[in-house]
Amino acid sequence: MSDPRPGRDSKTRAVLIEAATQLLLEEGYAAVTTRKVAAKAGVNQALVYYYFRTMDELFLAVFRRGADATVRRLERAAEADQPLRALWEVSSEPRDSALTIEFLALAHHRQVVHAELVAYTRRYRRIQKEILEHAVKSRATDGGGPTPSALAVLTVALSRGLAMDGMLGITDGHDEILSLVEEQLARFEPLDDDPRP
């Protein structure tokens, strides 16, 4: 979405958005204040209000920047030689997962963020489902198994769970689950050195 305040210097705006993003990742949404954003960006606090009338505007700008980048990555994944592997890489990106967790918590307190998160999640799942449907149709399988819609939800849940564990420093079982994911990916998209068809 375009800048809601036309004529503003986009470079400074981008620096403020990046500063807020870093604070979200480092300290959580509750720590994101205009004072901290300004300090992180190395600018006067008044500039935060100059570019964003409210904290909701700033949070939405951070969310939209990340969401737009992720959708572009999903669209590239759909065109990749191995779209399922590319989809898994997009879905399991730790930084994106950590930001999503912060926005889920923030959405509980801010309706405008909640609405944006719901709209984005539906868009993300639609693209994800299309990639999965194409992969299932274009590759011979033994039939059965979960539907593309169910796989989309499982992929998000699994990647988010791994990210939450990682944020806590928990890695128990991660190697085993990642091996299981690799086994399933190999059924559809064998690696070049994998002898399986």
Protein backbone atom coordinates (compact mmCIF):
# COMPACT_ATOMS: atom_id res chain seq x y z
CA MET A 1 0.00 0.00 0.00
CA SER A 2 1.27 3.49 -0.76
CA ASP A 3 2.36 6.00 1.83
CA PRO A 4 -0.79 7.42 3.48
CA ARG A 5 0.95 10.79 3.77
CA PRO A 6 2.05 11.81 0.27
CA GLY A 7 5.12 13.95 -0.20
CA ARG A 8 6.98 12.44 2.73
CA ASP A 9 10.60 11.40 2.24
CA SER A 10 10.41 7.66 1.60
CA LYS A 11 14.01 7.05 2.74
CA THR A 12 13.33 8.36 6.25
CA ARG A 13 10.03 6.50 6.35
CA ALA A 14 11.80 3.27 5.40
CA VAL A 15 14.40 3.82 8.15
CA LEU A 16 11.61 4.24 10.72
CA ILE A 17 9.84 1.10 9.51
CA GLU A 18 13.09 -0.88 9.75
CA ALA A 19 13.75 0.48 13.25
CA ALA A 20 10.26 -0.57 14.38
CA THR A 21 10.79 -4.00 12.79
CA GLN A 22 14.05 -4.49 14.68
CA LEU A 23 12.39 -3.48 17.96
CA LEU A 24 9.57 -5.96 17.33
CA LEU A 25 12.13 -8.72 16.82
CA GLU A 26 14.43 -7.75 19.68
CA GLU A 27 11.99 -6.64 22.39
CA GLY A 28 8.44 -7.47 21.28
CA TYR A 29 5.53 -5.29 20.23
CA ALA A 30 4.92 -3.84 23.70
CA ALA A 31 8.37 -2.22 23.60
CA VAL A 32 7.72 -0.38 20.34
CA THR A 33 7.23 3.28 21.25
CA THR A 34 7.82 6.43 19.23
CA ARG A 35 10.74 7.28 21.52
CA LYS A 36 12.42 3.90 20.99
CA VAL A 37 11.75 3.88 17.25
CA ALA A 38 13.28 7.35 16.92
CA ALA A 39 16.30 6.38 19.00
CA LYS A 40 16.83 3.18 16.99
CA ALA A 41 16.51 5.11 13.72
CA GLY A 42 18.77 7.91 14.95
CA VAL A 43 16.19 10.64 14.33
CA ASN A 44 14.14 13.11 16.34
CA GLN A 45 11.02 11.60 17.92
CA ALA A 46 8.81 14.19 16.18
CA LEU A 47 9.70 12.60 12.85
CA VAL A 48 7.90 9.42 13.84
CA TYR A 49 4.66 11.41 14.14
CA TYR A 50 5.46 13.30 10.96
CA TYR A 51 5.48 10.05 8.98
CA PHE A 52 2.95 8.06 11.06
CA ARG A 53 0.06 9.82 12.76
CA THR A 54 -0.53 6.87 15.08
CA MET A 55 1.25 3.75 16.27
CA ASP A 56 -1.35 1.75 14.33
CA GLU A 57 -0.14 3.39 11.11
CA LEU A 58 3.44 2.47 11.97
CA PHE A 59 2.55 -1.13 12.87
CA LEU A 60 0.56 -1.48 9.65
CA ALA A 61 3.47 -0.13 7.62
CA VAL A 62 5.81 -2.68 9.22
CA PHE A 63 3.31 -5.48 8.65
CA ARG A 64 2.57 -4.54 5.04
CA ARG A 65 6.23 -4.28 4.12
CA GLY A 66 6.87 -7.78 5.44
CA ALA A 67 3.64 -9.21 4.01
CA ASP A 68 4.31 -7.80 0.55
CA ALA A 69 7.84 -9.23 0.57
CA THR A 70 6.56 -12.64 1.65
CA VAL A 71 3.88 -12.70 -1.04
CA ARG A 72 6.53 -11.88 -3.65
CA ARG A 73 8.63 -14.77 -2.33
CA LEU A 74 5.59 -17.07 -2.50
CA GLU A 75 4.93 -16.05 -6.08
CA ARG A 76 8.55 -16.82 -6.96
CA ALA A 77 8.21 -20.16 -5.14
CA ALA A 78 5.25 -21.04 -7.36
CA GLU A 79 7.50 -20.58 -10.42
CA ALA A 80 10.52 -22.41 -8.98
CA ASP A 81 11.79 -25.74 -10.34
CA GLN A 82 11.00 -27.25 -6.95
CA PRO A 83 8.02 -25.24 -5.71
CA LEU A 84 7.35 -27.37 -2.62
CA ARG A 85 10.88 -26.90 -1.35
CA ALA A 86 10.68 -23.20 -2.14
CA LEU A 87 7.33 -23.00 -0.33
CA TRP A 88 8.80 -24.70 2.73
CA GLU A 89 11.71 -22.23 2.72
CA VAL A 90 9.31 -19.29 2.63
CA SER A 91 7.07 -20.79 5.31
CA SER A 92 9.89 -21.65 7.68
CA GLU A 93 11.87 -18.40 7.49
CA PRO A 94 12.67 -17.73 11.19
CA ARG A 95 12.57 -13.92 11.01
CA ASP A 96 9.17 -13.90 9.30
CA SER A 97 7.82 -16.42 11.80
CA ALA A 98 9.06 -14.35 14.73
CA LEU A 99 7.40 -11.22 13.31
CA THR A 100 4.17 -13.12 12.70
CA ILE A 101 4.09 -14.22 16.33
CA GLU A 102 4.48 -10.60 17.44
CA PHE A 103 1.70 -9.48 15.10
CA LEU A 104 -0.59 -12.26 16.36
CA ALA A 105 -0.13 -10.94 19.89
CA LEU A 106 -0.57 -7.33 18.74
CA ALA A 107 -3.72 -8.23 16.78
CA HIS A 108 -5.33 -9.29 20.06
CA HIS A 109 -5.13 -5.64 21.21
CA ARG A 110 -5.49 -3.65 17.99
CA GLN A 111 -8.46 -4.29 15.70
CA VAL A 112 -6.88 -2.63 12.67
CA VAL A 113 -3.89 -4.99 12.90
CA HIS A 114 -6.26 -7.93 13.41
CA ALA A 115 -8.16 -7.10 10.22
CA GLU A 116 -4.95 -6.71 8.23
CA LEU A 117 -3.55 -9.99 9.56
CA VAL A 118 -6.74 -11.88 8.65
CA ALA A 119 -6.77 -10.47 5.10
CA TYR A 120 -3.10 -11.27 4.59
CA THR A 121 -3.39 -14.79 6.02
CA ARG A 122 -6.24 -15.59 3.65
CA ARG A 123 -4.18 -14.32 0.70
CA TYR A 124 -1.10 -16.27 1.85
CA ARG A 125 -3.08 -19.49 2.30
CA ARG A 126 -4.69 -19.12 -1.13
CA ILE A 127 -1.30 -18.85 -2.84
CA GLN A 128 0.08 -21.66 -0.70
CA LYS A 129 -2.88 -23.89 -1.56
CA GLU A 130 -2.44 -23.17 -5.29
CA ILE A 131 1.22 -24.21 -5.11
CA LEU A 132 0.30 -27.40 -3.26
CA GLU A 133 -2.58 -28.24 -5.61
CA HIS A 134 -0.34 -27.84 -8.64
CA ALA A 135 2.40 -29.97 -7.07
CA VAL A 136 -0.02 -32.76 -6.17
CA LYS A 137 -1.63 -32.76 -9.63
CA SER A 138 1.61 -32.60 -11.59
CA ARG A 139 3.40 -35.40 -9.75
CA ALA A 140 2.37 -39.01 -9.53
CA THR A 141 1.44 -39.96 -5.99
CA ASP A 142 0.10 -43.05 -4.36
CA GLY A 143 -3.16 -41.20 -3.67
CA GLY A 144 -4.70 -40.49 -0.33
CA GLY A 145 -3.06 -38.21 2.15
CA PRO A 146 -4.07 -34.74 3.26
CA THR A 147 -5.68 -32.23 0.93
CA PRO A 148 -3.74 -29.15 -0.25
CA SER A 149 -5.78 -27.01 2.16
CA ALA A 150 -4.85 -29.24 5.08
CA LEU A 151 -1.20 -29.26 3.98
CA ALA A 152 -1.21 -25.46 3.88
CA VAL A 153 -2.40 -25.28 7.48
CA LEU A 154 0.04 -28.00 8.58
CA THR A 155 2.95 -26.19 6.92
CA VAL A 156 2.16 -22.93 8.68
CA ALA A 157 1.55 -24.61 12.03
CA LEU A 158 4.74 -26.63 11.85
CA SER A 159 6.96 -23.75 10.77
CA ARG A 160 5.42 -21.44 13.38
CA GLY A 161 5.86 -24.06 16.10
CA LEU A 162 9.52 -24.52 15.19
CA ALA A 163 9.99 -20.75 15.24
CA MET A 164 8.36 -20.41 18.66
CA ASP A 165 10.58 -23.19 20.01
CA GLY A 166 13.60 -21.48 18.49
CA MET A 167 12.71 -18.20 20.17
CA LEU A 168 12.79 -20.07 23.49
CA GLY A 169 16.02 -21.88 22.62
CA ILE A 170 14.26 -25.25 22.42
CA THR A 171 15.44 -27.58 19.68
CA ASP A 172 14.34 -30.98 21.05
CA GLY A 173 12.92 -33.03 18.19
CA HIS A 174 13.68 -30.40 15.54
CA ASP A 175 16.19 -32.54 13.65
CA GLU A 176 13.71 -35.41 13.53
CA ILE A 177 10.83 -33.27 12.30
CA LEU A 178 13.02 -31.61 9.67
CA SER A 179 14.08 -35.07 8.47
CA LEU A 180 10.41 -36.02 8.22
CA VAL A 181 9.70 -32.87 6.20
CA GLU A 182 12.62 -33.71 3.90
CA GLU A 183 11.30 -37.25 3.40
CA GLN A 184 7.91 -35.88 2.38
CA LEU A 185 9.43 -33.27 0.07
CA ALA A 186 11.56 -35.96 -1.56
CA ARG A 187 8.41 -37.89 -2.47
CA PHE A 188 7.44 -35.02 -4.77
CA GLU A 189 10.70 -33.23 -5.47
CA PRO A 190 13.76 -35.47 -5.23
CA LEU A 191 17.09 -33.73 -4.97
CA ASP A 192 19.39 -34.09 -7.98
CA ASP A 193 21.53 -36.71 -6.22
CA ASP A 194 18.51 -38.58 -4.82
CA PRO A 195 18.01 -41.90 -6.67
CA ARG A 196 14.27 -41.96 -5.92
CA PRO A 197 11.97 -41.19 -8.88
